[in-house]
Amino acid sequence: MSNDSNYLYHKPSNILRLSERQIYRTKSRVEREGINGILHNSRGTKRARWLTQDVKDRIAQLYNTKYKGFNITHVTEYLNTEEKIKISKNHLGKFFSREDFIP
């Protein structure tokens, strides 16, 4: 890149607090896709860790029966390995701390 093109990406990167590479990639996406190129590609898609109410009910049932007395770390490990319910320790902790969760 020449000095002019370097400056072209440097100033917007400082203003937007993005790297010059991010500015370059966003510019390329806008040229290809139009104004929608600014939007994040995963916008509107369901998150991979999103839990249905059935799964939440199953977690609560397992926590109150099979894994009663387990701490969050152990419950997470057993849910991931034995029950094939993929959930992080942080997400499970948030789930347990919710008002509507009844242990």
PDB file of N, CA and C in Angstrom:
ATOM      1  N   MET A   1       0.835  -1.189   0.000  1.00  0.00           N
ATOM      2  CA  MET A   1       0.000   0.000   0.000  1.00  0.00           C
ATOM      3  C   MET A   1       0.875   1.246   0.000  1.00  0.00           C
ATOM      4  N   SER A   2       0.399   2.271  -0.653  1.00  0.00           N
ATOM      5  CA  SER A   2       1.156   3.523  -0.669  1.00  0.00           C
ATOM      6  C   SER A   2       0.865   4.314   0.597  1.00  0.00           C
ATOM      7  N   ASN A   3       1.595   5.406   0.782  1.00  0.00           N
ATOM      8  CA  ASN A   3       1.384   6.255   1.956  1.00  0.00           C
ATOM      9  C   ASN A   3      -0.017   6.844   1.980  1.00  0.00           C
ATOM     10  N   ASP A   4      -0.555   7.203   0.788  1.00  0.00           N
ATOM     11  CA  ASP A   4      -1.905   7.772   0.728  1.00  0.00           C
ATOM     12  C   ASP A   4      -2.948   6.755   1.180  1.00  0.00           C
ATOM     13  N   SER A   5      -2.826   5.521   0.696  1.00  0.00           N
ATOM     14  CA  SER A   5      -3.805   4.507   1.084  1.00  0.00           C
ATOM     15  C   SER A   5      -3.631   4.118   2.557  1.00  0.00           C
ATOM     16  N   ASN A   6      -2.405   4.189   3.060  1.00  0.00           N
ATOM     17  CA  ASN A   6      -2.156   3.927   4.468  1.00  0.00           C
ATOM     18  C   ASN A   6      -2.880   4.961   5.324  1.00  0.00           C
ATOM     19  N   TYR A   7      -2.802   6.235   4.916  1.00  0.00           N
ATOM     20  CA  TYR A   7      -3.492   7.303   5.628  1.00  0.00           C
ATOM     21  C   TYR A   7      -5.000   7.139   5.513  1.00  0.00           C
ATOM     22  N   LEU A   8      -5.456   6.655   4.356  1.00  0.00           N
ATOM     23  CA  LEU A   8      -6.876   6.454   4.115  1.00  0.00           C
ATOM     24  C   LEU A   8      -7.481   5.502   5.148  1.00  0.00           C
ATOM     25  N   TYR A   9      -6.734   4.522   5.597  1.00  0.00           N
ATOM     26  CA  TYR A   9      -7.230   3.551   6.576  1.00  0.00           C
ATOM     27  C   TYR A   9      -6.849   3.924   8.006  1.00  0.00           C
ATOM     28  N   HIS A  10      -5.788   4.695   8.163  1.00  0.00           N
ATOM     29  CA  HIS A  10      -5.309   5.033   9.499  1.00  0.00           C
ATOM     30  C   HIS A  10      -6.273   5.962  10.237  1.00  0.00           C
ATOM     31  N   LYS A  11      -6.730   7.018   9.576  1.00  0.00           N
ATOM     32  CA  LYS A  11      -7.605   7.992  10.235  1.00  0.00           C
ATOM     33  C   LYS A  11      -8.948   7.373  10.647  1.00  0.00           C
ATOM     34  N   PRO A  12      -9.652   6.648   9.756  1.00  0.00           N
ATOM     35  CA  PRO A  12     -10.913   6.021  10.190  1.00  0.00           C
ATOM     36  C   PRO A  12     -10.704   4.990  11.307  1.00  0.00           C
ATOM     37  N   SER A  13      -9.578   4.303  11.281  1.00  0.00           N
ATOM     38  CA  SER A  13      -9.338   3.297  12.324  1.00  0.00           C
ATOM     39  C   SER A  13      -9.202   3.961  13.685  1.00  0.00           C
ATOM     40  N   ASN A  14      -8.580   5.144  13.732  1.00  0.00           N
ATOM     41  CA  ASN A  14      -8.476   5.876  15.000  1.00  0.00           C
ATOM     42  C   ASN A  14      -9.834   6.392  15.455  1.00  0.00           C
ATOM     43  N   ILE A  15     -10.614   6.921  14.521  1.00  0.00           N
ATOM     44  CA  ILE A  15     -11.928   7.471  14.859  1.00  0.00           C
ATOM     45  C   ILE A  15     -12.862   6.370  15.359  1.00  0.00           C
ATOM     46  N   LEU A  16     -12.891   5.247  14.658  1.00  0.00           N
ATOM     47  CA  LEU A  16     -13.805   4.142  14.998  1.00  0.00           C
ATOM     48  C   LEU A  16     -13.227   3.173  16.029  1.00  0.00           C
ATOM     49  N   ARG A  17     -11.963   3.378  16.369  1.00  0.00           N
ATOM     50  CA  ARG A  17     -11.265   2.483  17.306  1.00  0.00           C
ATOM     51  C   ARG A  17     -11.272   1.029  16.818  1.00  0.00           C
ATOM     52  N   LEU A  18     -10.971   0.893  15.543  1.00  0.00           N
ATOM     53  CA  LEU A  18     -10.819  -0.410  14.915  1.00  0.00           C
ATOM     54  C   LEU A  18      -9.431  -0.474  14.312  1.00  0.00           C
ATOM     55  N   SER A  19      -8.961  -1.664  14.020  1.00  0.00           N
ATOM     56  CA  SER A  19      -7.657  -1.776  13.379  1.00  0.00           C
ATOM     57  C   SER A  19      -7.782  -1.384  11.906  1.00  0.00           C
ATOM     58  N   GLU A  20      -6.659  -1.042  11.318  1.00  0.00           N
ATOM     59  CA  GLU A  20      -6.660  -0.706   9.891  1.00  0.00           C
ATOM     60  C   GLU A  20      -7.140  -1.896   9.070  1.00  0.00           C
ATOM     61  N   ARG A  21      -6.790  -3.090   9.500  1.00  0.00           N
ATOM     62  CA  ARG A  21      -7.227  -4.304   8.803  1.00  0.00           C
ATOM     63  C   ARG A  21      -8.753  -4.427   8.846  1.00  0.00           C
ATOM     64  N   GLN A  22      -9.367  -4.114   9.992  1.00  0.00           N
ATOM     65  CA  GLN A  22     -10.826  -4.173  10.097  1.00  0.00           C
ATOM     66  C   GLN A  22     -11.486  -3.153   9.171  1.00  0.00           C
ATOM     67  N   ILE A  23     -10.889  -1.969   9.073  1.00  0.00           N
ATOM     68  CA  ILE A  23     -11.411  -0.937   8.175  1.00  0.00           C
ATOM     69  C   ILE A  23     -11.314  -1.423   6.727  1.00  0.00           C
ATOM     70  N   TYR A  24     -10.188  -1.997   6.367  1.00  0.00           N
ATOM     71  CA  TYR A  24      -9.986  -2.517   5.019  1.00  0.00           C
ATOM     72  C   TYR A  24     -11.011  -3.599   4.693  1.00  0.00           C
ATOM     73  N   ARG A  25     -11.223  -4.530   5.610  1.00  0.00           N
ATOM     74  CA  ARG A  25     -12.168  -5.624   5.381  1.00  0.00           C
ATOM     75  C   ARG A  25     -13.604  -5.106   5.290  1.00  0.00           C
ATOM     76  N   THR A  26     -13.968  -4.157   6.161  1.00  0.00           N
ATOM     77  CA  THR A  26     -15.318  -3.599   6.131  1.00  0.00           C
ATOM     78  C   THR A  26     -15.559  -2.853   4.823  1.00  0.00           C
ATOM     79  N   LYS A  27     -14.564  -2.093   4.375  1.00  0.00           N
ATOM     80  CA  LYS A  27     -14.680  -1.376   3.107  1.00  0.00           C
ATOM     81  C   LYS A  27     -14.904  -2.369   1.959  1.00  0.00           C
ATOM     82  N   SER A  28     -14.177  -3.461   1.963  1.00  0.00           N
ATOM     83  CA  SER A  28     -14.337  -4.471   0.923  1.00  0.00           C
ATOM     84  C   SER A  28     -15.730  -5.086   0.953  1.00  0.00           C
ATOM     85  N   ARG A  29     -16.241  -5.353   2.157  1.00  0.00           N
ATOM     86  CA  ARG A  29     -17.590  -5.932   2.281  1.00  0.00           C
ATOM     87  C   ARG A  29     -18.652  -4.957   1.802  1.00  0.00           C
ATOM     88  N   VAL A  30     -18.487  -3.669   2.123  1.00  0.00           N
ATOM     89  CA  VAL A  30     -19.455  -2.661   1.676  1.00  0.00           C
ATOM     90  C   VAL A  30     -19.427  -2.548   0.155  1.00  0.00           C
ATOM     91  N   GLU A  31     -18.251  -2.631  -0.438  1.00  0.00           N
ATOM     92  CA  GLU A  31     -18.163  -2.593  -1.897  1.00  0.00           C
ATOM     93  C   GLU A  31     -18.858  -3.795  -2.526  1.00  0.00           C
ATOM     94  N   ARG A  32     -18.765  -4.967  -1.899  1.00  0.00           N
ATOM     95  CA  ARG A  32     -19.398  -6.180  -2.421  1.00  0.00           C
ATOM     96  C   ARG A  32     -20.899  -6.234  -2.147  1.00  0.00           C
ATOM     97  N   GLU A  33     -21.294  -5.895  -0.888  1.00  0.00           N
ATOM     98  CA  GLU A  33     -22.663  -6.144  -0.441  1.00  0.00           C
ATOM     99  C   GLU A  33     -23.502  -4.881  -0.259  1.00  0.00           C
ATOM    100  N   GLY A  34     -22.900  -3.733  -0.427  1.00  0.00           N
ATOM    101  CA  GLY A  34     -23.625  -2.491  -0.191  1.00  0.00           C
ATOM    102  C   GLY A  34     -23.649  -2.179   1.298  1.00  0.00           C
ATOM    103  N   ILE A  35     -24.607  -1.373   1.702  1.00  0.00           N
ATOM    104  CA  ILE A  35     -24.684  -0.915   3.092  1.00  0.00           C
ATOM    105  C   ILE A  35     -24.839  -2.077   4.082  1.00  0.00           C
ATOM    106  N   ASN A  36     -25.424  -3.194   3.654  1.00  0.00           N
ATOM    107  CA  ASN A  36     -25.560  -4.357   4.542  1.00  0.00           C
ATOM    108  C   ASN A  36     -24.218  -4.972   4.904  1.00  0.00           C
ATOM    109  N   GLY A  37     -23.156  -4.620   4.193  1.00  0.00           N
ATOM    110  CA  GLY A  37     -21.827  -5.119   4.508  1.00  0.00           C
ATOM    111  C   GLY A  37     -21.315  -4.618   5.846  1.00  0.00           C
ATOM    112  N   ILE A  38     -21.915  -3.559   6.363  1.00  0.00           N
ATOM    113  CA  ILE A  38     -21.512  -3.032   7.663  1.00  0.00           C
ATOM    114  C   ILE A  38     -22.011  -3.920   8.795  1.00  0.00           C
ATOM    115  N   LEU A  39     -23.166  -4.549   8.585  1.00  0.00           N
ATOM    116  CA  LEU A  39     -23.755  -5.379   9.629  1.00  0.00           C
ATOM    117  C   LEU A  39     -22.918  -6.638   9.869  1.00  0.00           C
ATOM    118  N   HIS A  40     -22.915  -7.103  11.104  1.00  0.00           N
ATOM    119  CA  HIS A  40     -22.191  -8.324  11.444  1.00  0.00           C
ATOM    120  C   HIS A  40     -22.840  -9.506  10.741  1.00  0.00           C
ATOM    121  N   ASN A  41     -22.035 -10.422  10.237  1.00  0.00           N
ATOM    122  CA  ASN A  41     -22.562 -11.545   9.464  1.00  0.00           C
ATOM    123  C   ASN A  41     -23.455 -12.483  10.262  1.00  0.00           C
ATOM    124  N   SER A  42     -23.264 -12.574  11.554  1.00  0.00           N
ATOM    125  CA  SER A  42     -24.084 -13.491  12.342  1.00  0.00           C
ATOM    126  C   SER A  42     -25.315 -12.806  12.935  1.00  0.00           C
ATOM    127  N   ARG A  43     -25.574 -11.573  12.550  1.00  0.00           N
ATOM    128  CA  ARG A  43     -26.735 -10.855  13.043  1.00  0.00           C
ATOM    129  C   ARG A  43     -28.012 -11.579  12.628  1.00  0.00           C
ATOM    130  N   GLY A  44     -28.895 -11.801  13.601  1.00  0.00           N
ATOM    131  CA  GLY A  44     -30.174 -12.433  13.316  1.00  0.00           C
ATOM    132  C   GLY A  44     -30.157 -13.948  13.406  1.00  0.00           C
ATOM    133  N   THR A  45     -28.992 -14.555  13.592  1.00  0.00           N
ATOM    134  CA  THR A  45     -28.942 -16.007  13.726  1.00  0.00           C
ATOM    135  C   THR A  45     -28.999 -16.384  15.202  1.00  0.00           C
ATOM    136  N   LYS A  46     -29.542 -17.542  15.458  1.00  0.00           N
ATOM    137  CA  LYS A  46     -29.651 -18.020  16.826  1.00  0.00           C
ATOM    138  C   LYS A  46     -28.280 -18.439  17.327  1.00  0.00           C
ATOM    139  N   ARG A  47     -27.943 -18.041  18.539  1.00  0.00           N
ATOM    140  CA  ARG A  47     -26.646 -18.387  19.107  1.00  0.00           C
ATOM    141  C   ARG A  47     -26.542 -19.896  19.325  1.00  0.00           C
ATOM    142  N   ALA A  48     -25.344 -20.404  19.220  1.00  0.00           N
ATOM    143  CA  ALA A  48     -25.121 -21.842  19.358  1.00  0.00           C
ATOM    144  C   ALA A  48     -25.414 -22.324  20.775  1.00  0.00           C
ATOM    145  N   ARG A  49     -25.205 -21.461  21.771  1.00  0.00           N
ATOM    146  CA  ARG A  49     -25.410 -21.876  23.162  1.00  0.00           C
ATOM    147  C   ARG A  49     -26.811 -21.573  23.670  1.00  0.00           C
ATOM    148  N   TRP A  50     -27.693 -21.162  22.789  1.00  0.00           N
ATOM    149  CA  TRP A  50     -29.034 -20.814  23.186  1.00  0.00           C
ATOM    150  C   TRP A  50     -29.750 -22.066  23.691  1.00  0.00           C
ATOM    151  N   LEU A  51     -30.367 -21.971  24.853  1.00  0.00           N
ATOM    152  CA  LEU A  51     -31.025 -23.126  25.461  1.00  0.00           C
ATOM    153  C   LEU A  51     -32.533 -23.014  25.337  1.00  0.00           C
ATOM    154  N   THR A  52     -33.156 -24.086  24.931  1.00  0.00           N
ATOM    155  CA  THR A  52     -34.614 -24.110  24.884  1.00  0.00           C
ATOM    156  C   THR A  52     -35.147 -24.330  26.298  1.00  0.00           C
ATOM    157  N   GLN A  53     -36.420 -24.088  26.477  1.00  0.00           N
ATOM    158  CA  GLN A  53     -37.028 -24.291  27.795  1.00  0.00           C
ATOM    159  C   GLN A  53     -36.958 -25.755  28.201  1.00  0.00           C
ATOM    160  N   ASP A  54     -37.087 -26.670  27.244  1.00  0.00           N
ATOM    161  CA  ASP A  54     -36.981 -28.102  27.551  1.00  0.00           C
ATOM    162  C   ASP A  54     -35.613 -28.454  28.121  1.00  0.00           C
ATOM    163  N   VAL A  55     -34.561 -27.885  27.536  1.00  0.00           N
ATOM    164  CA  VAL A  55     -33.208 -28.156  28.028  1.00  0.00           C
ATOM    165  C   VAL A  55     -33.021 -27.544  29.412  1.00  0.00           C
ATOM    166  N   LYS A  56     -33.536 -26.331  29.621  1.00  0.00           N
ATOM    167  CA  LYS A  56     -33.448 -25.703  30.937  1.00  0.00           C
ATOM    168  C   LYS A  56     -34.167 -26.545  31.985  1.00  0.00           C
ATOM    169  N   ASP A  57     -35.346 -27.060  31.639  1.00  0.00           N
ATOM    170  CA  ASP A  57     -36.093 -27.914  32.566  1.00  0.00           C
ATOM    171  C   ASP A  57     -35.312 -29.194  32.869  1.00  0.00           C
ATOM    172  N   ARG A  58     -34.691 -29.759  31.850  1.00  0.00           N
ATOM    173  CA  ARG A  58     -33.887 -30.978  32.032  1.00  0.00           C
ATOM    174  C   ARG A  58     -32.694 -30.704  32.947  1.00  0.00           C
ATOM    175  N   ILE A  59     -32.021 -29.558  32.765  1.00  0.00           N
ATOM    176  CA  ILE A  59     -30.892 -29.195  33.621  1.00  0.00           C
ATOM    177  C   ILE A  59     -31.355 -29.049  35.061  1.00  0.00           C
ATOM    178  N   ALA A  60     -32.460 -28.362  35.268  1.00  0.00           N
ATOM    179  CA  ALA A  60     -32.986 -28.171  36.624  1.00  0.00           C
ATOM    180  C   ALA A  60     -33.346 -29.512  37.261  1.00  0.00           C
ATOM    181  N   GLN A  61     -33.965 -30.399  36.480  1.00  0.00           N
ATOM    182  CA  GLN A  61     -34.347 -31.722  37.000  1.00  0.00           C
ATOM    183  C   GLN A  61     -33.106 -32.536  37.372  1.00  0.00           C
ATOM    184  N   LEU A  62     -32.091 -32.519  36.520  1.00  0.00           N
ATOM    185  CA  LEU A  62     -30.851 -33.250  36.812  1.00  0.00           C
ATOM    186  C   LEU A  62     -30.133 -32.671  38.022  1.00  0.00           C
ATOM    187  N   TYR A  63     -30.118 -31.354  38.128  1.00  0.00           N
ATOM    188  CA  TYR A  63     -29.461 -30.695  39.259  1.00  0.00           C
ATOM    189  C   TYR A  63     -30.138 -31.045  40.581  1.00  0.00           C
ATOM    190  N   ASN A  64     -31.439 -31.194  40.546  1.00  0.00           N
ATOM    191  CA  ASN A  64     -32.187 -31.485  41.772  1.00  0.00           C
ATOM    192  C   ASN A  64     -32.232 -32.968  42.112  1.00  0.00           C
ATOM    193  N   THR A  65     -31.855 -33.836  41.198  1.00  0.00           N
ATOM    194  CA  THR A  65     -31.920 -35.278  41.459  1.00  0.00           C
ATOM    195  C   THR A  65     -30.538 -35.922  41.333  1.00  0.00           C
ATOM    196  N   LYS A  66     -30.152 -36.219  40.123  1.00  0.00           N
ATOM    197  CA  LYS A  66     -28.933 -36.977  39.859  1.00  0.00           C
ATOM    198  C   LYS A  66     -27.667 -36.258  40.334  1.00  0.00           C
ATOM    199  N   TYR A  67     -27.627 -34.937  40.196  1.00  0.00           N
ATOM    200  CA  TYR A  67     -26.425 -34.176  40.547  1.00  0.00           C
ATOM    201  C   TYR A  67     -26.628 -33.308  41.780  1.00  0.00           C
ATOM    202  N   LYS A  68     -27.531 -33.723  42.647  1.00  0.00           N
ATOM    203  CA  LYS A  68     -27.802 -32.972  43.879  1.00  0.00           C
ATOM    204  C   LYS A  68     -26.532 -32.953  44.736  1.00  0.00           C
ATOM    205  N   GLY A  69     -26.172 -31.772  45.222  1.00  0.00           N
ATOM    206  CA  GLY A  69     -24.989 -31.621  46.045  1.00  0.00           C
ATOM    207  C   GLY A  69     -23.707 -31.336  45.270  1.00  0.00           C
ATOM    208  N   PHE A  70     -23.772 -31.400  43.932  1.00  0.00           N
ATOM    209  CA  PHE A  70     -22.605 -31.100  43.102  1.00  0.00           C
ATOM    210  C   PHE A  70     -22.417 -29.585  43.034  1.00  0.00           C
ATOM    211  N   ASN A  71     -21.162 -29.146  42.911  1.00  0.00           N
ATOM    212  CA  ASN A  71     -20.941 -27.721  42.678  1.00  0.00           C
ATOM    213  C   ASN A  71     -21.082 -27.436  41.184  1.00  0.00           C
ATOM    214  N   ILE A  72     -21.059 -26.162  40.831  1.00  0.00           N
ATOM    215  CA  ILE A  72     -21.314 -25.766  39.441  1.00  0.00           C
ATOM    216  C   ILE A  72     -20.290 -26.366  38.481  1.00  0.00           C
ATOM    217  N   THR A  73     -19.033 -26.407  38.891  1.00  0.00           N
ATOM    218  CA  THR A  73     -17.998 -26.961  38.018  1.00  0.00           C
ATOM    219  C   THR A  73     -18.274 -28.425  37.698  1.00  0.00           C
ATOM    220  N   HIS A  74     -18.603 -29.209  38.727  1.00  0.00           N
ATOM    221  CA  HIS A  74     -18.873 -30.632  38.496  1.00  0.00           C
ATOM    222  C   HIS A  74     -20.152 -30.847  37.703  1.00  0.00           C
ATOM    223  N   VAL A  75     -21.185 -30.063  37.993  1.00  0.00           N
ATOM    224  CA  VAL A  75     -22.430 -30.191  37.227  1.00  0.00           C
ATOM    225  C   VAL A  75     -22.153 -29.894  35.756  1.00  0.00           C
ATOM    226  N   THR A  76     -21.384 -28.846  35.497  1.00  0.00           N
ATOM    227  CA  THR A  76     -21.054 -28.489  34.110  1.00  0.00           C
ATOM    228  C   THR A  76     -20.328 -29.632  33.421  1.00  0.00           C
ATOM    229  N   GLU A  77     -19.334 -30.202  34.078  1.00  0.00           N
ATOM    230  CA  GLU A  77     -18.575 -31.312  33.491  1.00  0.00           C
ATOM    231  C   GLU A  77     -19.483 -32.496  33.168  1.00  0.00           C
ATOM    232  N   TYR A  78     -20.354 -32.859  34.106  1.00  0.00           N
ATOM    233  CA  TYR A  78     -21.235 -34.004  33.881  1.00  0.00           C
ATOM    234  C   TYR A  78     -22.297 -33.715  32.822  1.00  0.00           C
ATOM    235  N   LEU A  79     -22.810 -32.486  32.783  1.00  0.00           N
ATOM    236  CA  LEU A  79     -23.774 -32.139  31.735  1.00  0.00           C
ATOM    237  C   LEU A  79     -23.123 -32.235  30.362  1.00  0.00           C
ATOM    238  N   ASN A  80     -21.885 -31.758  30.256  1.00  0.00           N
ATOM    239  CA  ASN A  80     -21.188 -31.791  28.973  1.00  0.00           C
ATOM    240  C   ASN A  80     -20.807 -33.203  28.542  1.00  0.00           C
ATOM    241  N   THR A  81     -20.338 -34.032  29.479  1.00  0.00           N
ATOM    242  CA  THR A  81     -19.836 -35.356  29.099  1.00  0.00           C
ATOM    243  C   THR A  81     -20.911 -36.435  29.149  1.00  0.00           C
ATOM    244  N   GLU A  82     -21.613 -36.530  30.255  1.00  0.00           N
ATOM    245  CA  GLU A  82     -22.579 -37.617  30.435  1.00  0.00           C
ATOM    246  C   GLU A  82     -23.920 -37.343  29.755  1.00  0.00           C
ATOM    247  N   GLU A  83     -24.402 -36.104  29.849  1.00  0.00           N
ATOM    248  CA  GLU A  83     -25.735 -35.776  29.344  1.00  0.00           C
ATOM    249  C   GLU A  83     -25.699 -35.164  27.942  1.00  0.00           C
ATOM    250  N   LYS A  84     -24.492 -34.850  27.446  1.00  0.00           N
ATOM    251  CA  LYS A  84     -24.307 -34.247  26.114  1.00  0.00           C
ATOM    252  C   LYS A  84     -25.058 -32.925  25.972  1.00  0.00           C
ATOM    253  N   ILE A  85     -25.127 -32.163  27.075  1.00  0.00           N
ATOM    254  CA  ILE A  85     -25.697 -30.814  27.067  1.00  0.00           C
ATOM    255  C   ILE A  85     -24.529 -29.853  27.126  1.00  0.00           C
ATOM    256  N   LYS A  86     -24.251 -29.180  26.028  1.00  0.00           N
ATOM    257  CA  LYS A  86     -23.099 -28.275  25.947  1.00  0.00           C
ATOM    258  C   LYS A  86     -23.459 -26.941  26.587  1.00  0.00           C
ATOM    259  N   ILE A  87     -22.840 -26.661  27.712  1.00  0.00           N
ATOM    260  CA  ILE A  87     -23.073 -25.415  28.437  1.00  0.00           C
ATOM    261  C   ILE A  87     -21.801 -25.058  29.187  1.00  0.00           C
ATOM    262  N   SER A  88     -21.510 -23.771  29.291  1.00  0.00           N
ATOM    263  CA  SER A  88     -20.317 -23.331  30.010  1.00  0.00           C
ATOM    264  C   SER A  88     -20.635 -23.157  31.488  1.00  0.00           C
ATOM    265  N   LYS A  89     -19.598 -23.142  32.294  1.00  0.00           N
ATOM    266  CA  LYS A  89     -19.765 -22.943  33.733  1.00  0.00           C
ATOM    267  C   LYS A  89     -20.377 -21.577  34.015  1.00  0.00           C
ATOM    268  N   ASN A  90     -19.931 -20.560  33.284  1.00  0.00           N
ATOM    269  CA  ASN A  90     -20.472 -19.210  33.479  1.00  0.00           C
ATOM    270  C   ASN A  90     -21.951 -19.145  33.125  1.00  0.00           C
ATOM    271  N   HIS A  91     -22.317 -19.759  32.013  1.00  0.00           N
ATOM    272  CA  HIS A  91     -23.720 -19.747  31.584  1.00  0.00           C
ATOM    273  C   HIS A  91     -24.594 -20.507  32.584  1.00  0.00           C
ATOM    274  N   LEU A  92     -24.082 -21.615  33.082  1.00  0.00           N
ATOM    275  CA  LEU A  92     -24.831 -22.391  34.067  1.00  0.00           C
ATOM    276  C   LEU A  92     -24.987 -21.610  35.367  1.00  0.00           C
ATOM    277  N   GLY A  93     -23.946 -20.908  35.765  1.00  0.00           N
ATOM    278  CA  GLY A  93     -24.025 -20.072  36.964  1.00  0.00           C
ATOM    279  C   GLY A  93     -25.065 -18.985  36.829  1.00  0.00           C
ATOM    280  N   LYS A  94     -25.128 -18.359  35.649  1.00  0.00           N
ATOM    281  CA  LYS A  94     -26.157 -17.344  35.396  1.00  0.00           C
ATOM    282  C   LYS A  94     -27.549 -17.967  35.435  1.00  0.00           C
ATOM    283  N   PHE A  95     -27.668 -19.157  34.879  1.00  0.00           N
ATOM    284  CA  PHE A  95     -28.950 -19.870  34.879  1.00  0.00           C
ATOM    285  C   PHE A  95     -29.391 -20.170  36.305  1.00  0.00           C
ATOM    286  N   PHE A  96     -28.459 -20.630  37.149  1.00  0.00           N
ATOM    287  CA  PHE A  96     -28.795 -20.956  38.530  1.00  0.00           C
ATOM    288  C   PHE A  96     -29.123 -19.713  39.367  1.00  0.00           C
ATOM    289  N   SER A  97     -28.559 -18.565  39.014  1.00  0.00           N
ATOM    290  CA  SER A  97     -28.779 -17.359  39.810  1.00  0.00           C
ATOM    291  C   SER A  97     -30.040 -16.617  39.406  1.00  0.00           C
ATOM    292  N   ARG A  98     -30.718 -17.054  38.391  1.00  0.00           N
ATOM    293  CA  ARG A  98     -31.946 -16.376  37.957  1.00  0.00           C
ATOM    294  C   ARG A  98     -33.046 -16.552  38.992  1.00  0.00           C
ATOM    295  N   GLU A  99     -33.932 -15.578  39.041  1.00  0.00           N
ATOM    296  CA  GLU A  99     -35.026 -15.593  40.008  1.00  0.00           C
ATOM    297  C   GLU A  99     -35.963 -16.784  39.828  1.00  0.00           C
ATOM    298  N   ASP A 100     -36.197 -17.166  38.554  1.00  0.00           N
ATOM    299  CA  ASP A 100     -37.175 -18.219  38.304  1.00  0.00           C
ATOM    300  C   ASP A 100     -36.605 -19.631  38.460  1.00  0.00           C
ATOM    301  N   PHE A 101     -35.311 -19.751  38.772  1.00  0.00           N
ATOM    302  CA  PHE A 101     -34.733 -21.079  39.010  1.00  0.00           C
ATOM    303  C   PHE A 101     -34.995 -21.490  40.438  1.00  0.00           C
ATOM    304  N   ILE A 102     -35.621 -22.636  40.597  1.00  0.00           N
ATOM    305  CA  ILE A 102     -35.937 -23.156  41.939  1.00  0.00           C
ATOM    306  C   ILE A 102     -35.135 -24.438  42.142  1.00  0.00           C
ATOM    307  N   PRO A 103     -34.142 -24.393  43.040  1.00  0.00           N
ATOM    308  CA  PRO A 103     -33.323 -25.595  43.268  1.00  0.00           C
ATOM    309  C   PRO A 103     -34.077 -26.686  44.002  1.00  0.00           C
TER     310      PRO A 103
END
